[in-house]
Amino acid sequence: MRVFIGVWPSAEVEEVVGGLSRPTVPGLRWTTPDQWHVTLRFCGGLPDEEVPALVNALRVGLAGQVPVRATTGDATARFGPGGILHLPVAGLDEVAARVRWASAPYGDHYDDRRFQGHLTLARARRGLPSHLVGRSVEPIIWTVDEIAVVASTLHPGGARYRTEATVPLVG
């Protein structure tokens, strides 16, 4: 299965993001509320039977980790010149580093790029219209008290996610 380790947004974040206008733009696909998350690490392919070992490694790697406060950015942004519109999310760097370290042996994908917390809002085939970038958003602070191991299944309308396990951040 395709797996990522991530954080689900709070109901308040979902409400604010859900209130953003989503104009129809040719070649642009908006994500849906059930797709909103912050990826801490994309693992790629992982055999089903390795999921329990991954969860155990995360429990060990996150032992002593207290809940953290995540904060959404105050404006939409884009990654590079390409077509990913996102809302930055700060406050998860330490948790992401611990997740990446603990989960490194698992999956067939390892990305050594710097972690950039975000919620993906839309994907464009050919670059984003500039009027979508920099739109003001009410910043939201929420407490992250668990991380999720999530199975991702690709479909023509976008990925579908299923939480396989959660790991609490309890200190």
N, C-alpha and C. Protein backbone atom coordinates (compact mmCIF):
# COMPACT_ATOMS: atom_id res chain seq x y z
N MET A 1 0.84 -1.18 0.00
CA MET A 1 0.00 0.00 0.00
C MET A 1 0.88 1.24 0.00
N ARG A 2 0.35 2.35 -0.51
CA ARG A 2 1.04 3.65 -0.43
C ARG A 2 0.70 4.25 0.92
N VAL A 3 1.73 4.74 1.61
CA VAL A 3 1.54 5.22 2.98
C VAL A 3 2.22 6.56 3.18
N PHE A 4 1.57 7.42 3.97
CA PHE A 4 2.24 8.60 4.49
C PHE A 4 1.94 8.72 5.97
N ILE A 5 2.77 9.49 6.64
CA ILE A 5 2.59 9.78 8.06
C ILE A 5 2.26 11.25 8.13
N GLY A 6 1.15 11.58 8.79
CA GLY A 6 0.73 12.97 8.76
C GLY A 6 -0.11 13.38 9.94
N VAL A 7 -0.63 14.58 9.81
CA VAL A 7 -1.47 15.20 10.82
C VAL A 7 -2.75 15.67 10.15
N TRP A 8 -3.88 15.34 10.74
CA TRP A 8 -5.16 15.84 10.25
C TRP A 8 -5.41 17.22 10.86
N PRO A 9 -5.98 18.14 10.10
CA PRO A 9 -6.27 19.47 10.66
C PRO A 9 -7.46 19.42 11.62
N SER A 10 -7.53 20.42 12.46
CA SER A 10 -8.66 20.53 13.39
C SER A 10 -9.92 20.92 12.64
N ALA A 11 -11.06 20.78 13.29
CA ALA A 11 -12.34 21.18 12.70
C ALA A 11 -12.33 22.67 12.38
N GLU A 12 -11.70 23.48 13.22
CA GLU A 12 -11.64 24.92 12.97
C GLU A 12 -10.83 25.23 11.71
N VAL A 13 -9.72 24.53 11.52
CA VAL A 13 -8.93 24.71 10.30
C VAL A 13 -9.77 24.31 9.09
N GLU A 14 -10.44 23.18 9.18
CA GLU A 14 -11.29 22.73 8.07
C GLU A 14 -12.36 23.77 7.74
N GLU A 15 -12.93 24.38 8.77
CA GLU A 15 -13.96 25.40 8.55
C GLU A 15 -13.39 26.61 7.81
N VAL A 16 -12.23 27.09 8.25
CA VAL A 16 -11.62 28.27 7.62
C VAL A 16 -11.20 27.95 6.18
N VAL A 17 -10.53 26.82 5.99
CA VAL A 17 -10.10 26.45 4.64
C VAL A 17 -11.31 26.18 3.76
N GLY A 18 -12.33 25.55 4.31
CA GLY A 18 -13.55 25.29 3.55
C GLY A 18 -14.27 26.55 3.14
N GLY A 19 -14.03 27.65 3.84
CA GLY A 19 -14.67 28.92 3.51
C GLY A 19 -13.96 29.71 2.43
N LEU A 20 -12.79 29.25 2.00
CA LEU A 20 -12.08 29.95 0.93
C LEU A 20 -12.82 29.75 -0.39
N SER A 21 -12.84 30.78 -1.21
CA SER A 21 -13.46 30.62 -2.53
C SER A 21 -12.63 29.65 -3.35
N ARG A 22 -13.30 28.88 -4.17
CA ARG A 22 -12.66 27.86 -4.99
C ARG A 22 -13.12 28.04 -6.44
N PRO A 23 -12.63 29.09 -7.09
CA PRO A 23 -13.09 29.36 -8.45
C PRO A 23 -12.73 28.22 -9.42
N THR A 24 -13.59 28.04 -10.40
CA THR A 24 -13.31 27.06 -11.44
C THR A 24 -12.26 27.64 -12.37
N VAL A 25 -11.16 26.91 -12.51
CA VAL A 25 -10.05 27.32 -13.37
C VAL A 25 -9.68 26.11 -14.21
N PRO A 26 -9.66 26.23 -15.54
CA PRO A 26 -9.28 25.09 -16.37
C PRO A 26 -7.92 24.53 -15.95
N GLY A 27 -7.85 23.21 -15.81
CA GLY A 27 -6.59 22.55 -15.46
C GLY A 27 -6.25 22.58 -13.98
N LEU A 28 -7.15 23.12 -13.16
CA LEU A 28 -6.90 23.21 -11.71
C LEU A 28 -7.85 22.25 -10.99
N ARG A 29 -7.30 21.44 -10.07
CA ARG A 29 -8.13 20.54 -9.29
C ARG A 29 -7.98 20.89 -7.81
N TRP A 30 -9.09 21.27 -7.20
CA TRP A 30 -9.11 21.60 -5.78
C TRP A 30 -9.14 20.32 -4.96
N THR A 31 -8.44 20.32 -3.84
CA THR A 31 -8.53 19.19 -2.92
C THR A 31 -9.83 19.31 -2.14
N THR A 32 -10.24 18.19 -1.58
CA THR A 32 -11.49 18.14 -0.82
C THR A 32 -11.17 18.02 0.68
N PRO A 33 -12.13 18.36 1.54
CA PRO A 33 -11.86 18.31 2.98
C PRO A 33 -11.28 16.98 3.47
N ASP A 34 -11.73 15.87 2.90
CA ASP A 34 -11.20 14.58 3.35
C ASP A 34 -9.77 14.33 2.87
N GLN A 35 -9.24 15.22 2.04
CA GLN A 35 -7.85 15.11 1.58
C GLN A 35 -6.91 16.06 2.33
N TRP A 36 -7.44 16.96 3.12
CA TRP A 36 -6.60 17.95 3.80
C TRP A 36 -5.82 17.30 4.94
N HIS A 37 -4.52 17.48 4.90
CA HIS A 37 -3.63 16.94 5.93
C HIS A 37 -2.27 17.62 5.79
N VAL A 38 -1.43 17.43 6.77
CA VAL A 38 -0.04 17.87 6.70
C VAL A 38 0.80 16.60 6.66
N THR A 39 1.54 16.40 5.58
CA THR A 39 2.40 15.22 5.47
C THR A 39 3.69 15.47 6.24
N LEU A 40 3.97 14.60 7.18
CA LEU A 40 5.24 14.66 7.91
C LEU A 40 6.30 13.85 7.18
N ARG A 41 5.89 12.73 6.60
CA ARG A 41 6.77 11.94 5.74
C ARG A 41 5.93 11.08 4.81
N PHE A 42 6.29 11.10 3.52
CA PHE A 42 5.69 10.19 2.55
C PHE A 42 6.59 8.97 2.49
N CYS A 43 6.03 7.81 2.80
CA CYS A 43 6.81 6.57 2.81
C CYS A 43 6.79 5.86 1.47
N GLY A 44 5.78 6.12 0.65
CA GLY A 44 5.64 5.40 -0.60
C GLY A 44 5.08 4.02 -0.35
N GLY A 45 5.55 3.05 -1.14
CA GLY A 45 5.04 1.69 -1.01
C GLY A 45 5.54 1.02 0.26
N LEU A 46 4.63 0.34 0.94
CA LEU A 46 4.96 -0.37 2.17
C LEU A 46 4.08 -1.62 2.23
N PRO A 47 4.68 -2.80 2.36
CA PRO A 47 3.86 -4.00 2.48
C PRO A 47 2.93 -3.91 3.69
N ASP A 48 1.72 -4.39 3.54
CA ASP A 48 0.73 -4.34 4.63
C ASP A 48 1.29 -4.89 5.94
N GLU A 49 2.05 -5.97 5.84
CA GLU A 49 2.53 -6.62 7.06
C GLU A 49 3.60 -5.80 7.80
N GLU A 50 4.13 -4.75 7.16
CA GLU A 50 5.12 -3.90 7.83
C GLU A 50 4.49 -2.72 8.58
N VAL A 51 3.20 -2.49 8.38
CA VAL A 51 2.55 -1.35 9.05
C VAL A 51 2.66 -1.44 10.57
N PRO A 52 2.41 -2.60 11.21
CA PRO A 52 2.56 -2.65 12.67
C PRO A 52 3.97 -2.30 13.14
N ALA A 53 4.99 -2.74 12.41
CA ALA A 53 6.37 -2.41 12.79
C ALA A 53 6.63 -0.91 12.64
N LEU A 54 6.08 -0.30 11.59
CA LEU A 54 6.21 1.14 11.41
C LEU A 54 5.55 1.88 12.57
N VAL A 55 4.36 1.47 12.94
CA VAL A 55 3.65 2.11 14.05
C VAL A 55 4.45 1.98 15.34
N ASN A 56 5.01 0.80 15.58
CA ASN A 56 5.83 0.60 16.78
C ASN A 56 7.07 1.50 16.75
N ALA A 57 7.72 1.60 15.60
CA ALA A 57 8.89 2.47 15.47
C ALA A 57 8.52 3.93 15.75
N LEU A 58 7.35 4.34 15.30
CA LEU A 58 6.90 5.71 15.57
C LEU A 58 6.62 5.91 17.06
N ARG A 59 6.01 4.92 17.70
CA ARG A 59 5.76 5.03 19.15
C ARG A 59 7.07 5.20 19.91
N VAL A 60 8.08 4.43 19.54
CA VAL A 60 9.38 4.53 20.19
C VAL A 60 10.02 5.88 19.86
N GLY A 61 10.00 6.25 18.58
CA GLY A 61 10.64 7.49 18.15
C GLY A 61 9.99 8.75 18.69
N LEU A 62 8.70 8.66 19.00
CA LEU A 62 7.97 9.82 19.51
C LEU A 62 7.76 9.77 21.02
N ALA A 63 8.36 8.79 21.69
CA ALA A 63 8.22 8.69 23.15
C ALA A 63 8.70 9.99 23.79
N GLY A 64 7.90 10.51 24.68
CA GLY A 64 8.25 11.75 25.36
C GLY A 64 7.85 13.01 24.61
N GLN A 65 7.36 12.86 23.40
CA GLN A 65 6.95 14.02 22.60
C GLN A 65 5.61 14.54 23.12
N VAL A 66 5.62 15.77 23.58
CA VAL A 66 4.38 16.38 24.06
C VAL A 66 3.57 16.88 22.86
N PRO A 67 2.27 17.09 23.04
CA PRO A 67 1.48 17.70 21.98
C PRO A 67 2.09 19.05 21.58
N VAL A 68 1.92 19.41 20.33
CA VAL A 68 2.49 20.66 19.81
C VAL A 68 1.39 21.54 19.25
N ARG A 69 1.71 22.81 19.15
CA ARG A 69 0.77 23.77 18.57
C ARG A 69 1.17 24.03 17.12
N ALA A 70 0.25 23.78 16.23
CA ALA A 70 0.46 24.06 14.81
C ALA A 70 -0.31 25.33 14.47
N THR A 71 0.23 26.10 13.54
CA THR A 71 -0.39 27.37 13.15
C THR A 71 -0.44 27.46 11.64
N THR A 72 -1.63 27.71 11.11
CA THR A 72 -1.73 27.92 9.66
C THR A 72 -1.20 29.31 9.32
N GLY A 73 -0.73 29.44 8.10
CA GLY A 73 -0.25 30.73 7.63
C GLY A 73 -1.39 31.70 7.41
N ASP A 74 -1.02 32.96 7.14
CA ASP A 74 -2.05 33.99 6.95
C ASP A 74 -2.35 34.27 5.49
N ALA A 75 -1.75 33.46 4.59
CA ALA A 75 -2.01 33.65 3.16
C ALA A 75 -1.68 32.36 2.41
N THR A 76 -2.37 32.15 1.30
CA THR A 76 -2.06 31.01 0.44
C THR A 76 -0.71 31.24 -0.23
N ALA A 77 -0.08 30.15 -0.64
CA ALA A 77 1.25 30.23 -1.26
C ALA A 77 1.35 29.15 -2.33
N ARG A 78 2.45 29.18 -3.06
CA ARG A 78 2.70 28.15 -4.07
C ARG A 78 4.09 27.57 -3.84
N PHE A 79 4.28 26.36 -4.28
CA PHE A 79 5.61 25.77 -4.27
C PHE A 79 6.25 26.01 -5.62
N GLY A 80 7.39 26.70 -5.61
CA GLY A 80 8.15 26.95 -6.83
C GLY A 80 7.29 27.58 -7.91
N PRO A 81 7.72 27.42 -9.15
CA PRO A 81 6.96 28.00 -10.26
C PRO A 81 5.79 27.10 -10.67
N GLY A 82 5.69 25.94 -10.06
CA GLY A 82 4.72 24.94 -10.47
C GLY A 82 3.31 25.19 -10.01
N GLY A 83 2.57 24.12 -9.92
CA GLY A 83 1.15 24.25 -9.74
C GLY A 83 0.58 23.70 -8.46
N ILE A 84 1.25 23.86 -7.33
CA ILE A 84 0.66 23.43 -6.06
C ILE A 84 0.35 24.65 -5.21
N LEU A 85 -0.94 24.87 -4.99
CA LEU A 85 -1.40 25.94 -4.11
C LEU A 85 -1.56 25.34 -2.72
N HIS A 86 -0.99 26.00 -1.72
CA HIS A 86 -1.06 25.45 -0.37
C HIS A 86 -1.22 26.54 0.67
N LEU A 87 -1.53 26.09 1.88
CA LEU A 87 -1.57 26.95 3.04
C LEU A 87 -0.46 26.49 3.96
N PRO A 88 0.55 27.34 4.21
CA PRO A 88 1.65 26.93 5.09
C PRO A 88 1.14 26.58 6.49
N VAL A 89 1.84 25.65 7.13
CA VAL A 89 1.54 25.26 8.51
C VAL A 89 2.87 25.22 9.26
N ALA A 90 2.97 26.00 10.33
CA ALA A 90 4.19 26.07 11.14
C ALA A 90 3.98 25.31 12.45
N GLY A 91 5.09 24.95 13.08
CA GLY A 91 5.05 24.36 14.41
C GLY A 91 5.24 22.85 14.45
N LEU A 92 5.42 22.23 13.29
CA LEU A 92 5.52 20.77 13.25
C LEU A 92 6.92 20.27 12.91
N ASP A 93 7.89 21.16 12.84
CA ASP A 93 9.23 20.77 12.41
C ASP A 93 9.86 19.69 13.29
N GLU A 94 9.79 19.85 14.60
CA GLU A 94 10.40 18.88 15.51
C GLU A 94 9.73 17.51 15.39
N VAL A 95 8.41 17.51 15.36
CA VAL A 95 7.68 16.25 15.22
C VAL A 95 8.03 15.60 13.88
N ALA A 96 8.08 16.39 12.81
CA ALA A 96 8.42 15.84 11.49
C ALA A 96 9.82 15.23 11.50
N ALA A 97 10.78 15.89 12.15
CA ALA A 97 12.14 15.36 12.21
C ALA A 97 12.16 14.02 12.95
N ARG A 98 11.43 13.94 14.04
CA ARG A 98 11.39 12.69 14.80
C ARG A 98 10.68 11.59 14.01
N VAL A 99 9.61 11.95 13.30
CA VAL A 99 8.90 10.98 12.47
C VAL A 99 9.81 10.47 11.36
N ARG A 100 10.52 11.38 10.70
CA ARG A 100 11.40 10.97 9.60
C ARG A 100 12.51 10.05 10.10
N TRP A 101 13.07 10.36 11.26
CA TRP A 101 14.13 9.53 11.82
C TRP A 101 13.59 8.14 12.16
N ALA A 102 12.47 8.10 12.87
CA ALA A 102 11.91 6.82 13.33
C ALA A 102 11.43 5.94 12.19
N SER A 103 10.94 6.56 11.13
CA SER A 103 10.33 5.80 10.03
C SER A 103 11.27 5.57 8.85
N ALA A 104 12.50 6.03 8.95
CA ALA A 104 13.43 5.95 7.81
C ALA A 104 13.56 4.55 7.21
N PRO A 105 13.56 3.48 8.00
CA PRO A 105 13.71 2.15 7.39
C PRO A 105 12.47 1.65 6.64
N TYR A 106 11.39 2.38 6.69
CA TYR A 106 10.12 1.88 6.14
C TYR A 106 9.73 2.61 4.86
N GLY A 107 9.19 1.83 3.92
CA GLY A 107 8.73 2.40 2.66
C GLY A 107 9.82 2.38 1.61
N ASP A 108 9.41 2.67 0.38
CA ASP A 108 10.36 2.66 -0.73
C ASP A 108 10.68 4.06 -1.23
N HIS A 109 10.35 5.07 -0.44
CA HIS A 109 10.59 6.46 -0.85
C HIS A 109 11.20 7.20 0.33
N TYR A 110 12.32 7.88 0.06
CA TYR A 110 12.88 8.75 1.09
C TYR A 110 13.21 10.08 0.46
N ASP A 111 12.72 11.12 1.08
CA ASP A 111 12.88 12.47 0.57
C ASP A 111 13.72 13.25 1.58
N ASP A 112 14.89 13.71 1.16
CA ASP A 112 15.74 14.43 2.10
C ASP A 112 15.58 15.95 2.00
N ARG A 113 14.55 16.39 1.28
CA ARG A 113 14.30 17.84 1.24
C ARG A 113 13.84 18.32 2.61
N ARG A 114 14.08 19.58 2.87
CA ARG A 114 13.67 20.20 4.13
C ARG A 114 12.14 20.11 4.26
N PHE A 115 11.69 19.78 5.46
CA PHE A 115 10.26 19.71 5.74
C PHE A 115 9.64 21.10 5.59
N GLN A 116 8.53 21.17 4.89
CA GLN A 116 7.76 22.40 4.75
C GLN A 116 6.30 22.07 5.02
N GLY A 117 5.88 22.30 6.26
CA GLY A 117 4.51 21.98 6.64
C GLY A 117 3.51 22.76 5.82
N HIS A 118 2.49 22.07 5.31
CA HIS A 118 1.47 22.74 4.49
C HIS A 118 0.25 21.85 4.31
N LEU A 119 -0.86 22.49 4.00
CA LEU A 119 -2.07 21.81 3.54
C LEU A 119 -2.19 22.11 2.05
N THR A 120 -2.23 21.08 1.22
CA THR A 120 -2.41 21.30 -0.21
C THR A 120 -3.86 21.67 -0.48
N LEU A 121 -4.04 22.80 -1.17
CA LEU A 121 -5.39 23.29 -1.49
C LEU A 121 -5.81 22.94 -2.91
N ALA A 122 -4.85 22.99 -3.84
CA ALA A 122 -5.17 22.72 -5.25
C ALA A 122 -3.91 22.34 -6.00
N ARG A 123 -4.11 21.64 -7.11
CA ARG A 123 -3.02 21.28 -8.02
C ARG A 123 -3.40 21.74 -9.42
N ALA A 124 -2.43 22.36 -10.09
CA ALA A 124 -2.68 22.83 -11.46
C ALA A 124 -1.76 22.08 -12.41
N ARG A 125 -2.27 21.78 -13.58
CA ARG A 125 -1.45 21.10 -14.59
C ARG A 125 -0.35 22.00 -15.13
N ARG A 126 -0.66 23.30 -15.26
CA ARG A 126 0.29 24.22 -15.89
C ARG A 126 0.51 25.47 -15.07
N GLY A 127 0.90 25.44 -13.91
CA GLY A 127 1.13 26.66 -13.14
C GLY A 127 -0.17 27.24 -12.61
N LEU A 128 -0.03 27.99 -11.55
CA LEU A 128 -1.20 28.56 -10.88
C LEU A 128 -1.50 29.96 -11.35
N PRO A 129 -2.76 30.31 -11.51
CA PRO A 129 -3.11 31.71 -11.76
C PRO A 129 -2.66 32.55 -10.57
N SER A 130 -2.05 33.67 -10.83
CA SER A 130 -1.46 34.50 -9.77
C SER A 130 -2.50 35.00 -8.77
N HIS A 131 -3.75 35.16 -9.20
CA HIS A 131 -4.75 35.69 -8.27
C HIS A 131 -5.09 34.72 -7.13
N LEU A 132 -4.68 33.46 -7.25
CA LEU A 132 -4.95 32.50 -6.18
C LEU A 132 -3.86 32.50 -5.10
N VAL A 133 -2.70 33.04 -5.45
CA VAL A 133 -1.56 33.04 -4.53
C VAL A 133 -1.58 34.32 -3.70
N GLY A 134 -1.35 34.19 -2.41
CA GLY A 134 -1.31 35.35 -1.53
C GLY A 134 -2.67 35.79 -1.01
N ARG A 135 -3.69 34.95 -1.19
CA ARG A 135 -5.01 35.30 -0.64
C ARG A 135 -4.96 35.22 0.88
N SER A 136 -5.53 36.21 1.53
CA SER A 136 -5.53 36.26 3.00
C SER A 136 -6.37 35.13 3.58
N VAL A 137 -5.85 34.57 4.66
CA VAL A 137 -6.52 33.49 5.38
C VAL A 137 -6.37 33.79 6.88
N GLU A 138 -7.44 33.57 7.62
CA GLU A 138 -7.36 33.75 9.07
C GLU A 138 -6.45 32.68 9.66
N PRO A 139 -5.33 33.07 10.31
CA PRO A 139 -4.46 32.06 10.91
C PRO A 139 -5.18 31.33 12.05
N ILE A 140 -4.97 30.03 12.13
CA ILE A 140 -5.58 29.21 13.16
C ILE A 140 -4.47 28.46 13.89
N ILE A 141 -4.56 28.45 15.21
CA ILE A 141 -3.65 27.67 16.04
C ILE A 141 -4.44 26.48 16.57
N TRP A 142 -3.87 25.29 16.44
CA TRP A 142 -4.53 24.13 17.01
C TRP A 142 -3.51 23.19 17.63
N THR A 143 -3.97 22.37 18.56
CA THR A 143 -3.10 21.42 19.24
C THR A 143 -3.08 20.11 18.48
N VAL A 144 -1.89 19.65 18.17
CA VAL A 144 -1.70 18.35 17.52
C VAL A 144 -1.30 17.37 18.62
N ASP A 145 -2.18 16.42 18.90
CA ASP A 145 -1.90 15.47 19.97
C ASP A 145 -1.77 14.03 19.48
N GLU A 146 -1.75 13.86 18.15
CA GLU A 146 -1.50 12.54 17.58
C GLU A 146 -1.05 12.70 16.14
N ILE A 147 -0.35 11.69 15.66
CA ILE A 147 -0.01 11.62 14.25
C ILE A 147 -0.71 10.39 13.69
N ALA A 148 -0.88 10.36 12.39
CA ALA A 148 -1.61 9.26 11.75
C ALA A 148 -0.74 8.59 10.70
N VAL A 149 -0.86 7.27 10.63
CA VAL A 149 -0.29 6.49 9.54
C VAL A 149 -1.46 6.26 8.59
N VAL A 150 -1.30 6.75 7.36
CA VAL A 150 -2.44 6.83 6.43
C VAL A 150 -2.13 6.08 5.14
N ALA A 151 -3.06 5.24 4.71
CA ALA A 151 -2.98 4.59 3.41
C ALA A 151 -3.58 5.52 2.37
N SER A 152 -2.91 5.63 1.24
CA SER A 152 -3.34 6.52 0.16
C SER A 152 -3.59 5.69 -1.09
N THR A 153 -4.80 5.79 -1.63
CA THR A 153 -5.15 5.08 -2.86
C THR A 153 -5.44 6.12 -3.93
N LEU A 154 -4.74 6.02 -5.06
CA LEU A 154 -4.92 7.00 -6.13
C LEU A 154 -6.17 6.69 -6.96
N HIS A 155 -6.91 7.75 -7.28
CA HIS A 155 -8.12 7.66 -8.11
C HIS A 155 -8.09 8.85 -9.07
N PRO A 156 -8.83 8.77 -10.19
CA PRO A 156 -8.84 9.89 -11.14
C PRO A 156 -9.24 11.23 -10.53
N GLY A 157 -10.14 11.23 -9.55
CA GLY A 157 -10.58 12.47 -8.92
C GLY A 157 -9.69 12.92 -7.77
N GLY A 158 -8.61 12.21 -7.53
CA GLY A 158 -7.71 12.55 -6.42
C GLY A 158 -7.57 11.37 -5.48
N ALA A 159 -6.61 11.47 -4.60
CA ALA A 159 -6.32 10.38 -3.67
C ALA A 159 -7.42 10.22 -2.63
N ARG A 160 -7.58 8.99 -2.18
CA ARG A 160 -8.49 8.69 -1.07
C ARG A 160 -7.63 8.14 0.07
N TYR A 161 -7.95 8.58 1.28
CA TYR A 161 -7.13 8.26 2.43
C TYR A 161 -7.90 7.45 3.46
N ARG A 162 -7.15 6.57 4.14
CA ARG A 162 -7.71 5.77 5.22
C ARG A 162 -6.66 5.70 6.34
N THR A 163 -7.04 6.12 7.53
CA THR A 163 -6.12 6.06 8.66
C THR A 163 -5.95 4.60 9.07
N GLU A 164 -4.71 4.14 9.05
CA GLU A 164 -4.39 2.77 9.46
C GLU A 164 -4.13 2.68 10.96
N ALA A 165 -3.52 3.73 11.52
CA ALA A 165 -3.20 3.76 12.95
C ALA A 165 -2.90 5.19 13.35
N THR A 166 -3.02 5.46 14.63
CA THR A 166 -2.61 6.75 15.17
C THR A 166 -1.61 6.51 16.30
N VAL A 167 -0.74 7.49 16.48
CA VAL A 167 0.24 7.45 17.56
C VAL A 167 0.05 8.72 18.38
N PRO A 168 -0.31 8.58 19.65
CA PRO A 168 -0.55 9.78 20.47
C PRO A 168 0.75 10.48 20.85
N LEU A 169 0.67 11.78 20.98
CA LEU A 169 1.77 12.59 21.51
C LEU A 169 1.36 12.93 22.94
N VAL A 170 1.91 12.21 23.88
CA VAL A 170 1.44 12.36 25.26
C VAL A 170 2.52 12.81 26.24
N GLY A 171 3.76 12.97 25.77
CA GLY A 171 4.82 13.42 26.66
C GLY A 171 5.26 12.30 27.50
